[in-house]
Amino acid sequence: MCIIFLAFTHANAQELFLLSVNIACDILLWNAVAGTISHTLFNEAPMPSWATDFFLTQDGTHGIKAAEDTVKIVDISLDAAINSSALRQQQPVYSVEFSPDDSIIASRGESNCIDLWTREGKSLHKLRMPGISRALFTRFSHDGQLLASGDNEGVIRIWNTGNWRMVHEFLTHGHPVVA
């Protein structure tokens, strides 16, 4: 099965792990030094939908999963199955990201909005793209004060996370911004 996410994490204080997530949201923790599988966390059964994206918190203890119709926070524990709680339903959700302090979740999907949520699932704001633009990519600045978005029409927008207003708009080469 296709791997959709790969990152290094410290699942415990002593070891460095490589975490991989496939489209079924099965999570493998590999011991990065020994090169062996340390732990496997399987998706809940029956599988509700394919995962389209996964993003890890800074401390590596939680992830956020985007699927065809839901966004879930996943508790990654070395001694338990995946524990997850649904934040919301939207069809479809393609991509998710935590802010640098892990307090805000940005999600993107079919709509012309970037949805912003607290980690507890409370809706903070919807950033609406003009016209038929659809956000394909977002990235928080390292200090979390700005959010960049790229859309299907080749426009990059910079948003202030204090008031969620657009600060700048850049027209690229006219091609979709996907990363």
N, C-alpha and C. Protein backbone atom coordinates (compact mmCIF):
# COMPACT_ATOMS: atom_id res chain seq x y z
N MET A 1 0.83 -1.18 0.00
CA MET A 1 0.00 0.00 0.00
C MET A 1 0.87 1.24 0.00
N CYS A 2 0.40 2.27 -0.64
CA CYS A 2 1.12 3.52 -0.83
C CYS A 2 1.38 4.21 0.52
N ILE A 3 2.62 4.67 0.73
CA ILE A 3 2.98 5.45 1.92
C ILE A 3 2.64 6.91 1.64
N ILE A 4 1.88 7.55 2.57
CA ILE A 4 1.49 8.94 2.38
C ILE A 4 2.24 9.89 3.31
N PHE A 5 2.94 9.34 4.32
CA PHE A 5 3.62 10.20 5.28
C PHE A 5 4.84 9.47 5.83
N LEU A 6 5.91 10.22 6.03
CA LEU A 6 7.15 9.67 6.56
C LEU A 6 7.82 10.75 7.39
N ALA A 7 8.18 10.46 8.64
CA ALA A 7 8.83 11.46 9.49
C ALA A 7 9.61 10.77 10.60
N PHE A 8 10.66 11.45 11.07
CA PHE A 8 11.38 11.00 12.25
C PHE A 8 10.66 11.50 13.48
N THR A 9 10.65 10.68 14.54
CA THR A 9 10.00 11.07 15.78
C THR A 9 10.69 10.36 16.94
N HIS A 10 10.59 10.97 18.11
CA HIS A 10 11.06 10.33 19.34
C HIS A 10 9.82 9.81 20.06
N ALA A 11 9.45 8.57 19.81
CA ALA A 11 8.27 7.99 20.47
C ALA A 11 8.53 7.76 21.95
N ASN A 12 9.79 7.62 22.29
CA ASN A 12 10.18 7.64 23.70
C ASN A 12 11.51 8.38 23.78
N ALA A 13 11.96 8.68 24.96
CA ALA A 13 13.14 9.54 25.12
C ALA A 13 14.45 8.87 24.71
N GLN A 14 14.49 7.55 24.65
CA GLN A 14 15.74 6.86 24.40
C GLN A 14 16.02 6.55 22.93
N GLU A 15 14.98 6.45 22.11
CA GLU A 15 15.19 5.96 20.75
C GLU A 15 14.63 6.91 19.71
N LEU A 16 15.27 6.93 18.55
CA LEU A 16 14.79 7.69 17.40
C LEU A 16 14.04 6.73 16.48
N PHE A 17 12.82 7.10 16.10
CA PHE A 17 12.01 6.26 15.26
C PHE A 17 11.73 6.95 13.93
N LEU A 18 11.51 6.14 12.91
CA LEU A 18 10.98 6.61 11.65
C LEU A 18 9.54 6.14 11.62
N LEU A 19 8.61 7.06 11.42
CA LEU A 19 7.19 6.74 11.41
C LEU A 19 6.71 6.78 9.97
N SER A 20 6.03 5.71 9.54
CA SER A 20 5.44 5.70 8.20
C SER A 20 3.95 5.41 8.32
N VAL A 21 3.17 6.06 7.44
CA VAL A 21 1.72 5.90 7.43
C VAL A 21 1.30 5.57 6.01
N ASN A 22 0.50 4.51 5.85
CA ASN A 22 0.00 4.18 4.51
C ASN A 22 -1.41 4.73 4.32
N ILE A 23 -1.97 4.56 3.12
CA ILE A 23 -3.29 5.13 2.84
C ILE A 23 -4.42 4.50 3.66
N ALA A 24 -4.18 3.32 4.23
CA ALA A 24 -5.16 2.72 5.13
C ALA A 24 -4.99 3.23 6.56
N CYS A 25 -4.01 4.13 6.75
CA CYS A 25 -3.66 4.72 8.05
C CYS A 25 -3.10 3.70 9.03
N ASP A 26 -2.45 2.67 8.52
CA ASP A 26 -1.66 1.78 9.37
C ASP A 26 -0.34 2.50 9.64
N ILE A 27 0.08 2.56 10.89
CA ILE A 27 1.27 3.29 11.28
C ILE A 27 2.35 2.30 11.70
N LEU A 28 3.52 2.44 11.10
CA LEU A 28 4.67 1.62 11.48
C LEU A 28 5.71 2.51 12.12
N LEU A 29 6.23 2.10 13.26
CA LEU A 29 7.34 2.79 13.92
C LEU A 29 8.59 1.92 13.74
N TRP A 30 9.55 2.48 13.02
CA TRP A 30 10.80 1.77 12.75
C TRP A 30 11.88 2.31 13.67
N ASN A 31 12.69 1.42 14.25
CA ASN A 31 13.85 1.87 15.00
C ASN A 31 14.85 2.37 13.96
N ALA A 32 15.10 3.67 13.95
CA ALA A 32 15.92 4.28 12.91
C ALA A 32 17.39 3.89 13.02
N VAL A 33 17.84 3.50 14.19
CA VAL A 33 19.24 3.10 14.37
C VAL A 33 19.43 1.63 14.02
N ALA A 34 18.54 0.77 14.53
CA ALA A 34 18.66 -0.67 14.29
C ALA A 34 18.11 -1.10 12.93
N GLY A 35 17.21 -0.29 12.35
CA GLY A 35 16.62 -0.64 11.06
C GLY A 35 15.57 -1.73 11.16
N THR A 36 14.90 -1.82 12.29
CA THR A 36 13.88 -2.85 12.50
C THR A 36 12.53 -2.21 12.83
N ILE A 37 11.45 -2.97 12.56
CA ILE A 37 10.13 -2.49 12.95
C ILE A 37 10.02 -2.64 14.46
N SER A 38 9.69 -1.54 15.10
CA SER A 38 9.57 -1.55 16.55
C SER A 38 8.14 -1.78 16.99
N HIS A 39 7.19 -1.19 16.27
CA HIS A 39 5.79 -1.28 16.68
C HIS A 39 4.90 -1.01 15.48
N THR A 40 3.76 -1.66 15.45
CA THR A 40 2.79 -1.45 14.39
C THR A 40 1.46 -1.07 15.02
N LEU A 41 0.88 0.02 14.54
CA LEU A 41 -0.44 0.46 15.00
C LEU A 41 -1.38 0.37 13.81
N PHE A 42 -2.44 -0.40 13.94
CA PHE A 42 -3.35 -0.60 12.83
C PHE A 42 -4.55 0.32 12.91
N ASN A 43 -5.07 0.67 11.75
CA ASN A 43 -6.25 1.50 11.64
C ASN A 43 -7.45 0.78 12.24
N GLU A 44 -8.43 1.58 12.67
CA GLU A 44 -9.66 0.98 13.19
C GLU A 44 -10.35 0.18 12.10
N ALA A 45 -11.00 -0.89 12.47
CA ALA A 45 -11.68 -1.74 11.48
C ALA A 45 -13.18 -1.66 11.74
N PRO A 46 -14.03 -1.65 10.74
CA PRO A 46 -13.64 -1.61 9.35
C PRO A 46 -13.14 -0.23 8.97
N MET A 47 -12.26 -0.16 7.97
CA MET A 47 -11.66 1.09 7.57
C MET A 47 -12.74 2.02 7.00
N PRO A 48 -12.93 3.20 7.61
CA PRO A 48 -14.00 4.09 7.16
C PRO A 48 -13.70 4.76 5.82
N SER A 49 -12.46 5.05 5.53
CA SER A 49 -12.09 5.70 4.28
C SER A 49 -10.58 5.71 4.16
N TRP A 50 -10.11 5.95 2.95
CA TRP A 50 -8.67 6.02 2.71
C TRP A 50 -8.11 7.31 3.29
N ALA A 51 -6.93 7.23 3.87
CA ALA A 51 -6.24 8.43 4.35
C ALA A 51 -5.65 9.16 3.15
N THR A 52 -5.79 10.48 3.16
CA THR A 52 -5.22 11.29 2.10
C THR A 52 -4.03 12.12 2.56
N ASP A 53 -3.89 12.31 3.87
CA ASP A 53 -2.75 13.05 4.41
C ASP A 53 -2.61 12.73 5.89
N PHE A 54 -1.42 12.98 6.42
CA PHE A 54 -1.14 12.75 7.83
C PHE A 54 -0.10 13.77 8.23
N PHE A 55 -0.21 14.34 9.43
CA PHE A 55 0.74 15.34 9.89
C PHE A 55 1.01 15.07 11.37
N LEU A 56 2.24 15.21 11.79
CA LEU A 56 2.67 14.85 13.15
C LEU A 56 2.87 16.11 13.99
N THR A 57 2.50 16.04 15.29
CA THR A 57 2.78 17.14 16.21
C THR A 57 4.29 17.27 16.41
N GLN A 58 4.69 18.42 16.94
CA GLN A 58 6.11 18.66 17.17
C GLN A 58 6.74 17.63 18.11
N ASP A 59 6.00 17.21 19.13
CA ASP A 59 6.55 16.24 20.08
C ASP A 59 6.40 14.79 19.62
N GLY A 60 5.73 14.57 18.50
CA GLY A 60 5.61 13.23 17.93
C GLY A 60 4.64 12.32 18.65
N THR A 61 3.81 12.83 19.55
CA THR A 61 2.89 11.98 20.29
C THR A 61 1.52 11.85 19.64
N HIS A 62 1.19 12.77 18.74
CA HIS A 62 -0.11 12.76 18.07
C HIS A 62 0.07 13.08 16.59
N GLY A 63 -0.88 12.58 15.83
CA GLY A 63 -0.91 12.91 14.42
C GLY A 63 -2.30 13.38 14.07
N ILE A 64 -2.43 13.95 12.89
CA ILE A 64 -3.75 14.31 12.40
C ILE A 64 -3.91 13.69 11.03
N LYS A 65 -5.03 13.01 10.84
CA LYS A 65 -5.29 12.25 9.63
C LYS A 65 -6.41 12.90 8.84
N ALA A 66 -6.16 13.11 7.55
CA ALA A 66 -7.23 13.54 6.65
C ALA A 66 -7.66 12.31 5.87
N ALA A 67 -8.96 12.14 5.75
CA ALA A 67 -9.49 11.02 4.98
C ALA A 67 -10.51 11.57 4.01
N GLU A 68 -11.17 10.69 3.32
CA GLU A 68 -12.12 11.14 2.31
C GLU A 68 -13.22 12.02 2.89
N ASP A 69 -13.62 11.77 4.12
CA ASP A 69 -14.75 12.51 4.66
C ASP A 69 -14.60 12.91 6.12
N THR A 70 -13.38 12.89 6.65
CA THR A 70 -13.21 13.22 8.05
C THR A 70 -11.79 13.68 8.34
N VAL A 71 -11.64 14.37 9.46
CA VAL A 71 -10.34 14.74 9.99
C VAL A 71 -10.29 14.19 11.40
N LYS A 72 -9.22 13.47 11.75
CA LYS A 72 -9.11 12.87 13.08
C LYS A 72 -7.75 13.14 13.69
N ILE A 73 -7.76 13.38 15.00
CA ILE A 73 -6.51 13.43 15.76
C ILE A 73 -6.24 12.01 16.22
N VAL A 74 -4.99 11.56 16.04
CA VAL A 74 -4.60 10.20 16.36
C VAL A 74 -3.56 10.23 17.47
N ASP A 75 -3.84 9.52 18.57
CA ASP A 75 -2.90 9.37 19.68
C ASP A 75 -1.96 8.22 19.34
N ILE A 76 -0.68 8.52 19.20
CA ILE A 76 0.28 7.49 18.83
C ILE A 76 0.96 7.01 20.11
N SER A 77 0.64 5.77 20.48
CA SER A 77 1.18 5.19 21.70
C SER A 77 1.87 3.88 21.36
N LEU A 78 2.99 3.63 21.98
CA LEU A 78 3.73 2.41 21.69
C LEU A 78 3.09 1.16 22.27
N ASP A 79 2.13 1.34 23.17
CA ASP A 79 1.56 0.16 23.80
C ASP A 79 0.05 0.04 23.61
N ALA A 80 -0.47 0.69 22.58
CA ALA A 80 -1.92 0.62 22.36
C ALA A 80 -2.22 0.71 20.88
N ALA A 81 -3.44 0.36 20.56
CA ALA A 81 -3.91 0.55 19.18
C ALA A 81 -4.12 2.04 18.94
N ILE A 82 -4.40 2.42 17.73
CA ILE A 82 -4.66 3.82 17.43
C ILE A 82 -5.91 4.27 18.16
N ASN A 83 -5.76 5.33 18.93
CA ASN A 83 -6.91 5.96 19.57
C ASN A 83 -7.15 7.25 18.81
N SER A 84 -8.33 7.43 18.28
CA SER A 84 -8.56 8.64 17.50
C SER A 84 -9.90 9.25 17.84
N SER A 85 -9.98 10.56 17.65
CA SER A 85 -11.23 11.26 17.85
C SER A 85 -11.50 12.13 16.63
N ALA A 86 -12.71 12.06 16.11
CA ALA A 86 -13.07 12.82 14.91
C ALA A 86 -13.28 14.28 15.27
N LEU A 87 -12.72 15.16 14.46
CA LEU A 87 -12.92 16.58 14.66
C LEU A 87 -14.15 17.08 13.93
N ARG A 88 -14.39 16.54 12.72
CA ARG A 88 -15.49 17.05 11.92
C ARG A 88 -15.70 16.17 10.71
N GLN A 89 -16.73 16.47 9.98
CA GLN A 89 -17.02 15.80 8.73
C GLN A 89 -17.00 16.84 7.61
N GLN A 90 -16.32 16.56 6.56
CA GLN A 90 -16.34 17.40 5.36
C GLN A 90 -15.99 16.49 4.20
N GLN A 91 -16.56 16.75 3.04
CA GLN A 91 -16.26 15.88 1.90
C GLN A 91 -15.68 16.67 0.77
N PRO A 92 -14.63 16.23 0.19
CA PRO A 92 -13.57 15.44 0.79
C PRO A 92 -12.51 16.33 1.44
N VAL A 93 -11.66 15.76 2.27
CA VAL A 93 -10.54 16.46 2.90
C VAL A 93 -9.27 15.87 2.33
N TYR A 94 -8.42 16.72 1.78
CA TYR A 94 -7.21 16.24 1.13
C TYR A 94 -5.95 16.43 1.95
N SER A 95 -5.92 17.45 2.79
CA SER A 95 -4.65 17.78 3.43
C SER A 95 -4.90 18.44 4.78
N VAL A 96 -4.01 18.18 5.73
CA VAL A 96 -4.10 18.75 7.08
C VAL A 96 -2.72 19.13 7.57
N GLU A 97 -2.69 20.06 8.52
CA GLU A 97 -1.42 20.49 9.10
C GLU A 97 -1.66 21.09 10.47
N PHE A 98 -0.73 20.84 11.41
CA PHE A 98 -0.72 21.51 12.70
C PHE A 98 0.09 22.79 12.61
N SER A 99 -0.29 23.81 13.39
CA SER A 99 0.55 24.99 13.55
C SER A 99 1.79 24.60 14.34
N PRO A 100 2.85 25.44 14.35
CA PRO A 100 4.08 25.07 15.05
C PRO A 100 3.90 24.75 16.54
N ASP A 101 2.92 25.38 17.21
CA ASP A 101 2.68 25.07 18.62
C ASP A 101 1.62 24.00 18.80
N ASP A 102 1.18 23.38 17.70
CA ASP A 102 0.20 22.29 17.69
C ASP A 102 -1.18 22.69 18.19
N SER A 103 -1.48 23.99 18.26
CA SER A 103 -2.78 24.42 18.79
C SER A 103 -3.83 24.64 17.70
N ILE A 104 -3.39 24.85 16.46
CA ILE A 104 -4.32 25.12 15.36
C ILE A 104 -4.14 24.05 14.28
N ILE A 105 -5.25 23.63 13.71
CA ILE A 105 -5.24 22.68 12.61
C ILE A 105 -5.79 23.39 11.37
N ALA A 106 -5.05 23.32 10.28
CA ALA A 106 -5.53 23.84 9.00
C ALA A 106 -5.87 22.65 8.12
N SER A 107 -7.05 22.66 7.51
CA SER A 107 -7.43 21.57 6.61
C SER A 107 -7.93 22.15 5.29
N ARG A 108 -7.67 21.39 4.22
CA ARG A 108 -8.07 21.81 2.88
C ARG A 108 -8.78 20.67 2.19
N GLY A 109 -9.75 21.01 1.38
CA GLY A 109 -10.49 19.98 0.66
C GLY A 109 -11.05 20.51 -0.63
N GLU A 110 -12.21 20.00 -1.03
CA GLU A 110 -12.85 20.39 -2.28
C GLU A 110 -13.38 21.81 -2.28
N SER A 111 -13.76 22.33 -1.12
CA SER A 111 -14.36 23.66 -1.07
C SER A 111 -13.31 24.73 -1.36
N ASN A 112 -13.75 25.98 -1.48
CA ASN A 112 -12.81 27.07 -1.71
C ASN A 112 -12.39 27.70 -0.39
N CYS A 113 -12.35 26.92 0.68
CA CYS A 113 -11.99 27.42 2.01
C CYS A 113 -10.82 26.64 2.60
N ILE A 114 -10.07 27.34 3.44
CA ILE A 114 -9.14 26.68 4.36
C ILE A 114 -9.85 26.72 5.70
N ASP A 115 -10.10 25.57 6.29
CA ASP A 115 -10.78 25.50 7.58
C ASP A 115 -9.74 25.47 8.68
N LEU A 116 -9.95 26.30 9.70
CA LEU A 116 -9.03 26.39 10.83
C LEU A 116 -9.77 25.95 12.09
N TRP A 117 -9.11 25.07 12.86
CA TRP A 117 -9.73 24.42 14.02
C TRP A 117 -8.78 24.46 15.20
N THR A 118 -9.35 24.43 16.41
CA THR A 118 -8.53 24.17 17.58
C THR A 118 -8.24 22.68 17.62
N ARG A 119 -7.31 22.29 18.42
CA ARG A 119 -6.99 20.87 18.57
C ARG A 119 -8.18 20.10 19.17
N GLU A 120 -9.03 20.81 19.88
CA GLU A 120 -10.22 20.18 20.49
C GLU A 120 -11.38 20.09 19.52
N GLY A 121 -11.24 20.62 18.30
CA GLY A 121 -12.28 20.51 17.30
C GLY A 121 -13.20 21.71 17.18
N LYS A 122 -12.90 22.81 17.87
CA LYS A 122 -13.72 24.01 17.76
C LYS A 122 -13.31 24.78 16.50
N SER A 123 -14.29 25.15 15.69
CA SER A 123 -14.02 25.92 14.48
C SER A 123 -13.55 27.32 14.85
N LEU A 124 -12.39 27.72 14.30
CA LEU A 124 -11.86 29.05 14.55
C LEU A 124 -12.23 30.03 13.45
N HIS A 125 -12.04 29.60 12.20
CA HIS A 125 -12.22 30.51 11.09
C HIS A 125 -12.22 29.74 9.77
N LYS A 126 -12.83 30.33 8.76
CA LYS A 126 -12.76 29.82 7.39
C LYS A 126 -12.12 30.90 6.55
N LEU A 127 -11.00 30.57 5.90
CA LEU A 127 -10.37 31.50 4.96
C LEU A 127 -10.94 31.18 3.59
N ARG A 128 -11.70 32.08 3.04
CA ARG A 128 -12.34 31.86 1.75
C ARG A 128 -11.44 32.34 0.62
N MET A 129 -11.26 31.46 -0.37
CA MET A 129 -10.50 31.82 -1.55
C MET A 129 -11.43 32.57 -2.50
N PRO A 130 -10.93 33.57 -3.22
CA PRO A 130 -11.78 34.32 -4.13
C PRO A 130 -12.18 33.48 -5.35
N GLY A 131 -13.36 33.79 -5.89
CA GLY A 131 -13.81 33.14 -7.11
C GLY A 131 -13.89 31.63 -7.01
N ILE A 132 -13.31 30.96 -7.99
CA ILE A 132 -13.33 29.49 -8.01
C ILE A 132 -12.02 28.89 -7.51
N SER A 133 -11.16 29.72 -6.92
CA SER A 133 -9.89 29.23 -6.39
C SER A 133 -10.12 28.18 -5.32
N ARG A 134 -9.24 27.20 -5.30
CA ARG A 134 -9.31 26.14 -4.29
C ARG A 134 -7.91 25.96 -3.71
N ALA A 135 -7.77 26.11 -2.40
CA ALA A 135 -6.47 25.96 -1.75
C ALA A 135 -6.00 24.51 -1.88
N LEU A 136 -4.79 24.34 -2.36
CA LEU A 136 -4.21 23.00 -2.50
C LEU A 136 -3.11 22.76 -1.47
N PHE A 137 -2.57 23.82 -0.93
CA PHE A 137 -1.39 23.70 -0.08
C PHE A 137 -1.39 24.81 0.96
N THR A 138 -1.03 24.49 2.19
CA THR A 138 -0.81 25.52 3.22
C THR A 138 0.45 25.18 3.99
N ARG A 139 1.05 26.21 4.55
CA ARG A 139 2.20 26.00 5.41
C ARG A 139 2.26 27.16 6.41
N PHE A 140 2.35 26.83 7.69
CA PHE A 140 2.53 27.83 8.73
C PHE A 140 3.98 28.28 8.76
N SER A 141 4.21 29.57 9.09
CA SER A 141 5.57 30.05 9.32
C SER A 141 6.09 29.41 10.60
N HIS A 142 7.40 29.44 10.80
CA HIS A 142 7.99 28.77 11.97
C HIS A 142 7.50 29.35 13.30
N ASP A 143 7.17 30.65 13.31
CA ASP A 143 6.66 31.25 14.55
C ASP A 143 5.14 31.19 14.64
N GLY A 144 4.47 30.67 13.61
CA GLY A 144 3.02 30.51 13.62
C GLY A 144 2.24 31.79 13.39
N GLN A 145 2.90 32.90 13.08
CA GLN A 145 2.21 34.17 12.90
C GLN A 145 1.65 34.36 11.49
N LEU A 146 2.13 33.56 10.54
CA LEU A 146 1.67 33.65 9.15
C LEU A 146 1.29 32.27 8.64
N LEU A 147 0.36 32.26 7.70
CA LEU A 147 -0.03 31.04 7.00
C LEU A 147 0.03 31.34 5.52
N ALA A 148 0.76 30.53 4.78
CA ALA A 148 0.82 30.67 3.32
C ALA A 148 -0.11 29.64 2.70
N SER A 149 -0.82 30.04 1.65
CA SER A 149 -1.66 29.10 0.92
C SER A 149 -1.36 29.21 -0.57
N GLY A 150 -1.40 28.08 -1.23
CA GLY A 150 -1.24 28.04 -2.68
C GLY A 150 -2.49 27.44 -3.28
N ASP A 151 -2.94 27.96 -4.43
CA ASP A 151 -4.20 27.48 -4.98
C ASP A 151 -4.07 26.89 -6.38
N ASN A 152 -5.19 26.43 -6.88
CA ASN A 152 -5.24 25.77 -8.18
C ASN A 152 -5.04 26.73 -9.35
N GLU A 153 -5.12 28.03 -9.11
CA GLU A 153 -4.92 29.02 -10.16
C GLU A 153 -3.52 29.62 -10.16
N GLY A 154 -2.64 29.11 -9.30
CA GLY A 154 -1.25 29.58 -9.27
C GLY A 154 -1.03 30.82 -8.42
N VAL A 155 -1.89 31.05 -7.43
CA VAL A 155 -1.75 32.21 -6.57
C VAL A 155 -1.32 31.75 -5.18
N ILE A 156 -0.32 32.46 -4.62
CA ILE A 156 0.12 32.23 -3.24
C ILE A 156 -0.38 33.40 -2.41
N ARG A 157 -1.04 33.09 -1.31
CA ARG A 157 -1.53 34.14 -0.41
C ARG A 157 -0.88 33.95 0.96
N ILE A 158 -0.57 35.08 1.60
CA ILE A 158 -0.03 35.08 2.96
C ILE A 158 -1.10 35.66 3.87
N TRP A 159 -1.43 34.92 4.93
CA TRP A 159 -2.48 35.30 5.88
C TRP A 159 -1.86 35.57 7.25
N ASN A 160 -2.33 36.59 7.94
CA ASN A 160 -1.93 36.90 9.31
C ASN A 160 -2.77 36.02 10.23
N THR A 161 -2.15 35.21 11.08
CA THR A 161 -2.91 34.29 11.94
C THR A 161 -3.49 34.99 13.17
N GLY A 162 -3.12 36.25 13.39
CA GLY A 162 -3.70 36.99 14.51
C GLY A 162 -5.11 37.47 14.21
N ASN A 163 -5.34 37.89 12.95
CA ASN A 163 -6.67 38.38 12.58
C ASN A 163 -7.24 37.66 11.35
N TRP A 164 -6.49 36.73 10.80
CA TRP A 164 -6.87 35.91 9.64
C TRP A 164 -7.16 36.76 8.40
N ARG A 165 -6.47 37.87 8.27
CA ARG A 165 -6.61 38.69 7.07
C ARG A 165 -5.45 38.42 6.13
N MET A 166 -5.73 38.56 4.83
CA MET A 166 -4.69 38.36 3.84
C MET A 166 -3.71 39.54 3.89
N VAL A 167 -2.43 39.22 3.91
CA VAL A 167 -1.38 40.23 3.97
C VAL A 167 -0.81 40.51 2.58
N HIS A 168 -0.55 39.44 1.82
CA HIS A 168 0.03 39.56 0.47
C HIS A 168 -0.58 38.52 -0.45
N GLU A 169 -0.51 38.81 -1.73
CA GLU A 169 -0.96 37.88 -2.76
C GLU A 169 0.07 37.91 -3.89
N PHE A 170 0.57 36.74 -4.27
CA PHE A 170 1.59 36.64 -5.31
C PHE A 170 1.06 35.77 -6.44
N LEU A 171 1.15 36.27 -7.66
CA LEU A 171 0.79 35.47 -8.83
C LEU A 171 2.05 34.75 -9.28
N THR A 172 1.98 33.43 -9.33
CA THR A 172 3.15 32.65 -9.74
C THR A 172 3.12 32.49 -11.25
N HIS A 173 3.54 31.41 -11.76
CA HIS A 173 3.63 31.16 -13.20
C HIS A 173 2.30 30.71 -13.81
N GLY A 174 1.22 30.79 -13.05
CA GLY A 174 -0.09 30.43 -13.59
C GLY A 174 -0.41 28.96 -13.47
N HIS A 175 0.44 28.21 -12.78
CA HIS A 175 0.20 26.77 -12.60
C HIS A 175 -0.18 26.51 -11.14
N PRO A 176 -0.92 25.44 -10.87
CA PRO A 176 -1.31 25.14 -9.49
C PRO A 176 -0.12 25.06 -8.54
N VAL A 177 -0.32 25.54 -7.32
CA VAL A 177 0.70 25.49 -6.27
C VAL A 177 0.38 24.30 -5.40
N VAL A 178 1.17 23.25 -5.50
CA VAL A 178 0.88 22.02 -4.76
C VAL A 178 1.89 21.74 -3.65
N ALA A 179 2.98 22.47 -3.60
CA ALA A 179 3.98 22.31 -2.52
C ALA A 179 4.87 23.51 -2.47
